[in-house]
Amino acid sequence: MEPLSASVLPAGVRARILPGINGLDIHLLEAGHESANRPAVLLLHGFPELAYSWRKVMPALAAAGYHALAPDQRGYGRTTGWDADYDGDLAGFRFMNLLRDAIGVLFATGHRTAEAVVGHDFGASVAAYAALVRPDIFRRMVLMSAPFSGPPPVPFGEMPPAKAPDIHAALAALPRPRKHYQWYYSTRPANENMWHAPQGVHAFLRAYYHHKSADWKANKPYELKGWTADELARMPTYYIMDLAEGMAETVAKEMPSAAEIAANSWLPDHELKVYSDEYQRNGFQGGLNWYRVRTSGRASGELEVFTGRTVDVPATFISGRSDWGIYQSPGAIEKMQNSACTRMKQIHLIDGAGHWVQQEKPDEVNRLLLAFLKES
């Protein structure tokens, strides 16, 4: 696999392949690589994204004296060596193994430590465990769009915890039957539905990114009262889907007009094509396997080893004010600030940004990120 062409990258950002990293050949974007001995900042993307999602952040980090590193994570883009078969082994997609990938990238580029690990969306989970498990390597933590409420608890006392009600049955039983997107993403048909969407991958991604951005004016998130079907159903359909529909049909209803697409400055069509070309080649199963590990509980046992541990490095949280992601798990943002992270400096909600905060409002994200690195 060849690295991404320089023609689609900003000045000062290069692409290359790091061979033999934890069983992968990892595709890496980097900036600030021209001079040695710069401190590293590791940038971890989410779903359905790529290292390319950091294209507007990396030059700012390089200009400030950092070596910015953004890999295509396992299951994504031009990183190879992972299994795209739904019936393949999911073990490689466990969070501790994803963290091993991240450490491998850092070491392969000549760094023993990172001044910060920065994670967006599902990448925030890897970033959080990086800071929790190896604070000696990852000296600061920045989470974007996905709060970290701590490792899973281990039941304490002789009585086992009461079994929670079946949220999926409750969602399906609503007057308007619904389902949770993460469990849908864990099903066999999900990849086929998006990869071979009737509208095509490019149009699917256009609608998906639009639907979760501040451009979709109905994104007006607020705190939910609890993990109940009635409360969850208040969220948009990209999180709580109609029961009978796949994600391709869900977002097609919110496809922006030709005029809206032409006016989009944060993700013009030539930049969206970088994503659609990669997903057209690979499909979505690699990224969906992360959800399968989470919803199946396959990672819970090894993560319970860290029960009671807190993230003690300096930390901050950045999200779009129009991002439902910070509220999709009721109480998570409060747990992050009050118990999971002991040095969570501030929570920043950026006006005019939705879920894709570092792409929608890069100047403000860069300002907050660099200020945090300087002050902490």
Protein backbone atom coordinates (compact mmCIF):
# COMPACT_ATOMS: atom_id res chain seq x y z
CA MET A 1 0.00 0.00 0.00
CA GLU A 2 1.36 3.39 -1.00
CA PRO A 3 1.13 6.40 1.36
CA LEU A 4 -1.46 9.08 0.72
CA SER A 5 -0.45 11.42 -2.11
CA ALA A 6 1.18 14.68 -1.11
CA SER A 7 -1.23 16.41 -3.49
CA VAL A 8 -4.10 16.05 -0.98
CA LEU A 9 -2.08 17.04 2.10
CA PRO A 10 -1.38 20.51 3.51
CA ALA A 11 2.10 21.95 3.16
CA GLY A 12 4.44 20.50 5.75
CA VAL A 13 2.46 17.28 6.27
CA ARG A 14 3.90 14.07 4.87
CA ALA A 15 2.65 10.49 4.64
CA ARG A 16 4.67 7.31 5.07
CA ILE A 17 4.28 3.67 6.10
CA LEU A 18 5.71 2.34 9.39
CA PRO A 19 6.27 -1.39 8.83
CA GLY A 20 5.98 -4.11 11.45
CA ILE A 21 4.08 -2.31 14.21
CA ASN A 22 2.25 -4.91 16.33
CA GLY A 23 1.43 -6.97 13.25
CA LEU A 24 0.49 -3.96 11.12
CA ASP A 25 2.05 -1.74 8.51
CA ILE A 26 0.75 1.59 9.78
CA HIS A 27 0.02 4.53 7.53
CA LEU A 28 1.17 7.71 9.27
CA LEU A 29 0.72 11.40 8.64
CA GLU A 30 3.24 13.64 10.38
CA ALA A 31 4.24 17.28 10.60
CA GLY A 32 7.22 18.88 12.29
CA HIS A 33 9.41 16.01 11.14
CA GLU A 34 12.07 18.20 9.54
CA SER A 35 14.06 18.71 12.75
CA ALA A 36 15.02 16.27 15.50
CA ASN A 37 14.27 16.31 19.23
CA ARG A 38 10.83 17.85 18.97
CA PRO A 39 8.29 16.64 21.58
CA ALA A 40 5.60 14.40 20.12
CA VAL A 41 1.85 14.85 20.08
CA LEU A 42 -0.08 11.72 19.08
CA LEU A 43 -3.44 12.26 17.36
CA LEU A 44 -6.00 9.41 17.29
CA HIS A 45 -9.04 9.62 15.00
CA GLY A 46 -12.51 8.12 15.37
CA PHE A 47 -15.22 6.61 13.14
CA PRO A 48 -15.73 6.89 10.20
CA GLU A 49 -12.57 8.91 9.89
CA LEU A 50 -8.86 8.71 9.10
CA ALA A 51 -5.55 10.25 10.09
CA TYR A 52 -6.55 12.83 7.46
CA SER A 53 -9.09 14.19 9.97
CA TRP A 54 -6.15 15.94 11.71
CA ARG A 55 -4.97 17.75 8.57
CA LYS A 56 -6.01 21.15 9.98
CA VAL A 57 -4.40 20.55 13.39
CA MET A 58 -1.01 19.12 12.44
CA PRO A 59 0.48 22.26 10.81
CA ALA A 60 -0.40 24.34 13.88
CA LEU A 61 1.30 21.82 16.18
CA ALA A 62 4.37 21.77 13.94
CA ALA A 63 4.54 25.58 13.89
CA ALA A 64 4.48 25.52 17.70
CA GLY A 65 7.50 23.20 17.83
CA TYR A 66 5.88 19.77 18.12
CA HIS A 67 6.21 16.57 16.09
CA ALA A 68 2.57 15.79 15.22
CA LEU A 69 1.82 12.12 14.56
CA ALA A 70 -1.51 10.87 13.20
CA PRO A 71 -1.85 7.19 12.26
CA ASP A 72 -4.64 5.50 10.35
CA GLN A 73 -5.67 3.29 13.24
CA ARG A 74 -6.21 -0.46 13.03
CA GLY A 75 -9.08 -1.15 10.64
CA TYR A 76 -8.77 2.13 8.76
CA GLY A 77 -7.36 3.73 5.65
CA ARG A 78 -3.96 2.67 4.36
CA THR A 79 -2.91 0.76 7.46
CA THR A 80 -2.77 -2.94 6.55
CA GLY A 81 -2.46 -6.24 8.40
CA TRP A 82 -5.91 -6.29 10.03
CA ASP A 83 -8.69 -8.72 9.16
CA ALA A 84 -11.79 -7.26 7.44
CA ASP A 85 -13.77 -10.52 7.69
CA TYR A 86 -16.83 -10.26 9.95
CA ASP A 87 -16.14 -13.81 11.09
CA GLY A 88 -12.45 -13.10 11.74
CA ASP A 89 -10.74 -12.81 15.11
CA LEU A 90 -11.74 -9.66 17.01
CA ALA A 91 -8.88 -9.95 19.49
CA GLY A 92 -6.74 -7.44 17.62
CA PHE A 93 -9.38 -4.74 18.12
CA ARG A 94 -9.36 -4.92 21.94
CA PHE A 95 -8.57 -1.56 23.51
CA MET A 96 -5.33 -2.73 25.08
CA ASN A 97 -4.13 -3.90 21.68
CA LEU A 98 -5.15 -0.60 20.09
CA LEU A 99 -3.08 1.08 22.79
CA ARG A 100 -0.18 -1.24 21.89
CA ASP A 101 -0.53 0.01 18.29
CA ALA A 102 -0.31 3.62 19.50
CA ILE A 103 2.80 2.96 21.60
CA GLY A 104 4.36 1.23 18.62
CA VAL A 105 3.82 4.31 16.45
CA LEU A 106 5.40 6.54 19.07
CA PHE A 107 8.46 4.34 19.53
CA ALA A 108 8.91 3.73 15.79
CA THR A 109 9.16 7.48 15.21
CA GLY A 110 11.93 7.81 17.80
CA HIS A 111 9.92 8.98 20.83
CA ARG A 112 9.83 7.39 24.27
CA THR A 113 7.18 9.83 25.48
CA ALA A 114 4.44 12.04 24.06
CA GLU A 115 3.73 15.48 25.43
CA ALA A 116 0.06 14.69 24.79
CA VAL A 117 -2.22 12.05 23.41
CA VAL A 118 -5.23 13.56 21.67
CA GLY A 119 -8.26 11.44 20.81
CA HIS A 120 -11.45 12.27 18.95
CA ASP A 121 -14.64 10.18 18.98
CA PHE A 122 -13.67 6.49 19.39
CA GLY A 123 -10.03 7.56 19.37
CA ALA A 124 -10.76 9.24 22.70
CA SER A 125 -11.22 5.80 24.29
CA VAL A 126 -7.72 4.76 23.22
CA ALA A 127 -6.31 8.12 24.34
CA ALA A 128 -7.98 7.81 27.73
CA TYR A 129 -6.58 4.35 28.38
CA ALA A 130 -3.19 5.52 27.16
CA ALA A 131 -3.15 8.21 29.84
CA LEU A 132 -4.66 5.90 32.46
CA VAL A 133 -2.35 2.93 31.90
CA ARG A 134 0.91 4.60 30.81
CA PRO A 135 1.12 8.11 32.27
CA ASP A 136 4.89 7.72 32.13
CA ILE A 137 4.63 7.72 28.32
CA PHE A 138 1.61 9.97 27.73
CA ARG A 139 2.15 13.11 29.80
CA ARG A 140 -1.09 14.94 28.97
CA MET A 141 -4.47 14.00 27.57
CA VAL A 142 -6.92 15.82 25.32
CA LEU A 143 -10.29 14.24 24.59
CA MET A 144 -12.63 15.49 21.88
CA SER A 145 -16.33 14.74 21.50
CA ALA A 146 -16.37 11.56 23.64
CA PRO A 147 -16.13 11.81 27.45
CA PHE A 148 -14.27 9.15 29.46
CA SER A 149 -16.15 8.06 32.57
CA GLY A 150 -13.47 5.68 33.85
CA PRO A 151 -12.74 1.96 33.54
CA PRO A 152 -15.63 -0.44 34.13
CA PRO A 153 -16.35 -1.13 37.81
CA VAL A 154 -15.94 -4.51 39.45
CA PRO A 155 -18.93 -5.52 41.62
CA PHE A 156 -18.15 -5.08 45.32
CA GLY A 157 -19.74 -7.20 48.04
CA GLU A 158 -21.35 -10.62 48.09
CA MET A 159 -24.53 -9.75 46.21
CA PRO A 160 -24.19 -9.61 42.42
CA PRO A 161 -25.47 -6.41 40.87
CA ALA A 162 -29.08 -6.36 39.73
CA LYS A 163 -29.48 -7.10 36.03
CA ALA A 164 -30.23 -3.95 34.07
CA PRO A 165 -33.43 -3.83 32.02
CA ASP A 166 -33.09 -4.74 28.34
CA ILE A 167 -32.67 -1.31 26.76
CA HIS A 168 -32.87 -2.77 23.26
CA ALA A 169 -36.23 -4.41 23.87
CA ALA A 170 -37.43 -1.15 25.39
CA LEU A 171 -36.28 0.87 22.38
CA ALA A 172 -37.93 -1.59 20.00
CA ALA A 173 -41.18 -1.38 21.99
CA LEU A 174 -41.50 2.41 21.69
CA PRO A 175 -44.47 3.76 19.68
CA ARG A 176 -41.87 4.68 17.09
CA PRO A 177 -39.63 1.56 17.29
CA ARG A 178 -35.94 2.40 17.58
CA LYS A 179 -32.49 0.83 18.01
CA HIS A 180 -29.10 1.99 19.26
CA TYR A 181 -26.54 2.70 16.55
CA GLN A 182 -23.62 1.00 18.37
CA TRP A 183 -25.46 -2.31 18.50
CA TYR A 184 -26.57 -1.85 14.90
CA TYR A 185 -22.93 -1.26 13.96
CA SER A 186 -22.13 -4.60 15.59
CA THR A 187 -24.43 -6.56 13.27
CA ARG A 188 -23.36 -8.38 10.14
CA PRO A 189 -25.43 -6.25 7.70
CA ALA A 190 -24.04 -2.88 8.86
CA ASN A 191 -20.91 -2.90 6.71
CA GLU A 192 -22.76 -3.97 3.58
CA ASN A 193 -25.44 -1.32 4.17
CA MET A 194 -22.90 1.51 4.21
CA TRP A 195 -20.27 0.16 1.83
CA HIS A 196 -22.84 -0.57 -0.87
CA ALA A 197 -25.27 2.20 0.04
CA PRO A 198 -27.77 2.92 -2.76
CA GLN A 199 -26.52 6.51 -2.90
CA GLY A 200 -22.85 5.44 -3.06
CA VAL A 201 -20.12 5.81 -0.44
CA HIS A 202 -19.35 9.44 -1.28
CA ALA A 203 -22.95 10.60 -0.88
CA PHE A 204 -23.38 8.41 2.20
CA LEU A 205 -20.42 10.05 3.91
CA ARG A 206 -21.56 13.53 2.84
CA ALA A 207 -24.94 12.97 4.50
CA TYR A 208 -23.39 11.30 7.57
CA TYR A 209 -20.91 14.12 8.21
CA HIS A 210 -23.61 16.74 7.57
CA HIS A 211 -26.11 15.08 9.89
CA LYS A 212 -23.68 15.12 12.84
CA SER A 213 -22.30 18.61 12.21
CA ALA A 214 -23.46 22.04 13.28
CA ASP A 215 -24.67 22.52 9.69
CA TRP A 216 -27.65 20.30 10.58
CA LYS A 217 -29.55 22.93 12.51
CA ALA A 218 -31.62 20.45 14.52
CA ASN A 219 -28.49 19.46 16.49
CA LYS A 220 -29.35 21.16 19.79
CA PRO A 221 -28.07 18.70 22.40
CA TYR A 222 -28.81 18.68 26.12
CA GLU A 223 -28.28 16.39 29.09
CA LEU A 224 -30.49 13.32 29.24
CA LYS A 225 -32.02 12.20 32.52
CA GLY A 226 -30.91 8.58 32.26
CA TRP A 227 -30.28 5.43 30.27
CA THR A 228 -33.92 4.75 29.41
CA ALA A 229 -35.60 4.21 26.07
CA ASP A 230 -37.73 7.34 26.34
CA GLU A 231 -34.69 9.51 27.10
CA LEU A 232 -32.39 7.95 24.50
CA ALA A 233 -35.07 8.38 21.85
CA ARG A 234 -34.72 12.15 22.22
CA MET A 235 -31.42 11.93 20.35
CA PRO A 236 -31.20 12.20 16.55
CA THR A 237 -31.52 9.13 14.39
CA TYR A 238 -27.78 8.86 13.77
CA TYR A 239 -27.61 7.66 17.40
CA ILE A 240 -31.04 6.18 18.03
CA MET A 241 -32.06 4.81 14.66
CA ASP A 242 -35.48 3.78 13.39
CA LEU A 243 -35.70 0.05 13.98
CA ALA A 244 -36.32 -0.98 10.37
CA GLU A 245 -33.64 1.16 8.73
CA GLY A 246 -29.90 0.92 8.19
CA MET A 247 -27.54 3.85 8.54
CA ALA A 248 -27.48 4.47 4.78
CA GLU A 249 -31.24 5.04 4.74
CA THR A 250 -31.11 7.01 7.98
CA VAL A 251 -28.70 9.68 6.79
CA ALA A 252 -30.04 9.80 3.24
CA LYS A 253 -33.07 11.65 4.62
CA GLU A 254 -30.74 14.46 5.74
CA MET A 255 -28.64 14.77 2.58
CA PRO A 256 -27.66 18.43 2.17
CA SER A 257 -28.67 20.30 -0.95
CA ALA A 258 -26.26 21.01 -3.80
CA ALA A 259 -26.09 24.61 -2.59
CA GLU A 260 -25.27 23.52 0.97
CA ILE A 261 -22.54 21.20 -0.31
CA ALA A 262 -21.03 23.95 -2.45
CA ALA A 263 -21.05 26.31 0.55
CA ASN A 264 -19.35 23.82 2.89
CA SER A 265 -15.91 25.24 3.67
CA TRP A 266 -14.87 22.80 6.40
CA LEU A 267 -15.29 19.68 4.22
CA PRO A 268 -15.34 20.60 0.52
CA ASP A 269 -15.99 17.81 -1.93
CA HIS A 270 -12.33 17.29 -2.88
CA GLU A 271 -11.50 16.66 0.80
CA LEU A 272 -14.50 14.39 1.29
CA LYS A 273 -13.22 12.39 -1.68
CA VAL A 274 -10.13 11.43 0.34
CA TYR A 275 -12.44 9.70 2.82
CA SER A 276 -14.78 8.19 0.24
CA ASP A 277 -11.89 6.76 -1.81
CA GLU A 278 -10.49 5.00 1.26
CA TYR A 279 -13.85 3.63 2.41
CA GLN A 280 -14.81 2.62 -1.11
CA ARG A 281 -11.69 0.45 -1.18
CA ASN A 282 -11.81 -0.94 2.36
CA GLY A 283 -15.43 -0.89 3.42
CA PHE A 284 -16.32 -0.05 7.01
CA GLN A 285 -15.83 -3.37 8.81
CA GLY A 286 -12.45 -2.49 10.31
CA GLY A 287 -13.91 0.47 12.18
CA LEU A 288 -17.11 -1.39 13.01
CA ASN A 289 -15.05 -4.07 14.76
CA TRP A 290 -14.23 -1.51 17.46
CA TYR A 291 -17.96 -1.29 18.21
CA ARG A 292 -18.28 -5.07 18.22
CA VAL A 293 -15.59 -5.37 20.87
CA ARG A 294 -17.38 -2.79 23.02
CA THR A 295 -20.94 -4.09 22.67
CA SER A 296 -19.96 -7.74 23.06
CA GLY A 297 -18.18 -7.05 26.35
CA ARG A 298 -15.06 -8.77 25.05
CA ALA A 299 -12.85 -5.97 26.37
CA SER A 300 -14.54 -5.58 29.73
CA GLY A 301 -12.59 -8.21 31.63
CA GLU A 302 -9.13 -6.83 30.92
CA LEU A 303 -10.33 -3.24 31.41
CA GLU A 304 -11.78 -4.16 34.81
CA VAL A 305 -8.18 -4.74 35.90
CA PHE A 306 -7.94 -0.94 36.07
CA THR A 307 -11.08 -0.45 38.13
CA GLY A 308 -10.70 2.45 40.55
CA ARG A 309 -7.76 3.91 38.63
CA THR A 310 -8.00 7.53 37.57
CA VAL A 311 -6.40 9.60 34.83
CA ASP A 312 -3.97 11.76 36.80
CA VAL A 313 -2.11 13.59 34.03
CA PRO A 314 -3.24 17.11 33.07
CA ALA A 315 -6.29 16.79 30.83
CA THR A 316 -8.80 18.86 28.93
CA PHE A 317 -11.93 18.22 26.87
CA ILE A 318 -12.93 19.94 23.63
CA SER A 319 -16.19 19.46 21.76
CA GLY A 320 -18.68 21.25 19.58
CA ARG A 321 -21.60 22.84 21.37
CA SER A 322 -23.84 21.19 18.74
CA ASP A 323 -22.41 17.71 19.40
CA TRP A 324 -24.79 15.14 20.87
CA GLY A 325 -21.79 12.87 21.46
CA ILE A 326 -21.06 14.42 24.85
CA TYR A 327 -24.52 13.46 26.12
CA GLN A 328 -25.14 10.09 24.47
CA SER A 329 -24.07 8.29 27.67
CA PRO A 330 -26.00 10.09 30.41
CA GLY A 331 -23.76 11.26 33.25
CA ALA A 332 -20.49 10.50 31.44
CA ILE A 333 -19.27 14.07 31.20
CA GLU A 334 -19.85 14.64 34.94
CA LYS A 335 -18.04 11.41 35.84
CA MET A 336 -15.13 12.41 33.62
CA GLN A 337 -14.73 15.75 35.33
CA ASN A 338 -15.57 14.74 38.90
CA SER A 339 -14.06 11.29 39.34
CA ALA A 340 -12.42 9.69 36.28
CA CYS A 341 -9.89 12.49 35.68
CA THR A 342 -8.26 14.17 38.68
CA ARG A 343 -6.65 16.99 36.69
CA MET A 344 -9.29 17.80 34.10
CA LYS A 345 -8.48 21.47 33.56
CA GLN A 346 -11.49 22.65 31.58
CA ILE A 347 -14.33 21.54 29.36
CA HIS A 348 -14.60 23.62 26.18
CA LEU A 349 -17.75 23.64 24.03
CA ILE A 350 -17.14 25.49 20.78
CA ASP A 351 -19.99 27.43 19.21
CA GLY A 352 -20.74 26.58 15.60
CA ALA A 353 -19.26 23.09 15.75
CA GLY A 354 -20.87 19.69 15.91
CA HIS A 355 -19.25 16.29 16.19
CA TRP A 356 -16.36 16.95 13.78
CA VAL A 357 -14.98 19.73 15.95
CA GLN A 358 -11.35 19.74 14.74
CA GLN A 359 -12.55 19.97 11.15
CA GLU A 360 -15.49 22.34 11.63
CA LYS A 361 -13.65 24.86 13.83
CA PRO A 362 -9.92 24.12 13.51
CA ASP A 363 -8.68 27.59 14.46
CA GLU A 364 -10.47 27.49 17.80
CA VAL A 365 -9.43 23.89 18.44
CA ASN A 366 -5.80 24.76 17.69
CA ARG A 367 -5.94 27.77 19.99
CA LEU A 368 -7.33 25.71 22.87
CA LEU A 369 -4.99 22.79 22.25
CA LEU A 370 -1.84 24.90 22.11
CA ALA A 371 -2.89 26.93 25.15
CA PHE A 372 -3.43 23.71 27.12
CA LEU A 373 -0.03 22.34 26.09
CA LYS A 374 1.65 25.59 27.11
CA GLU A 375 -0.18 26.10 30.39
CA SER A 376 -0.05 22.52 31.65
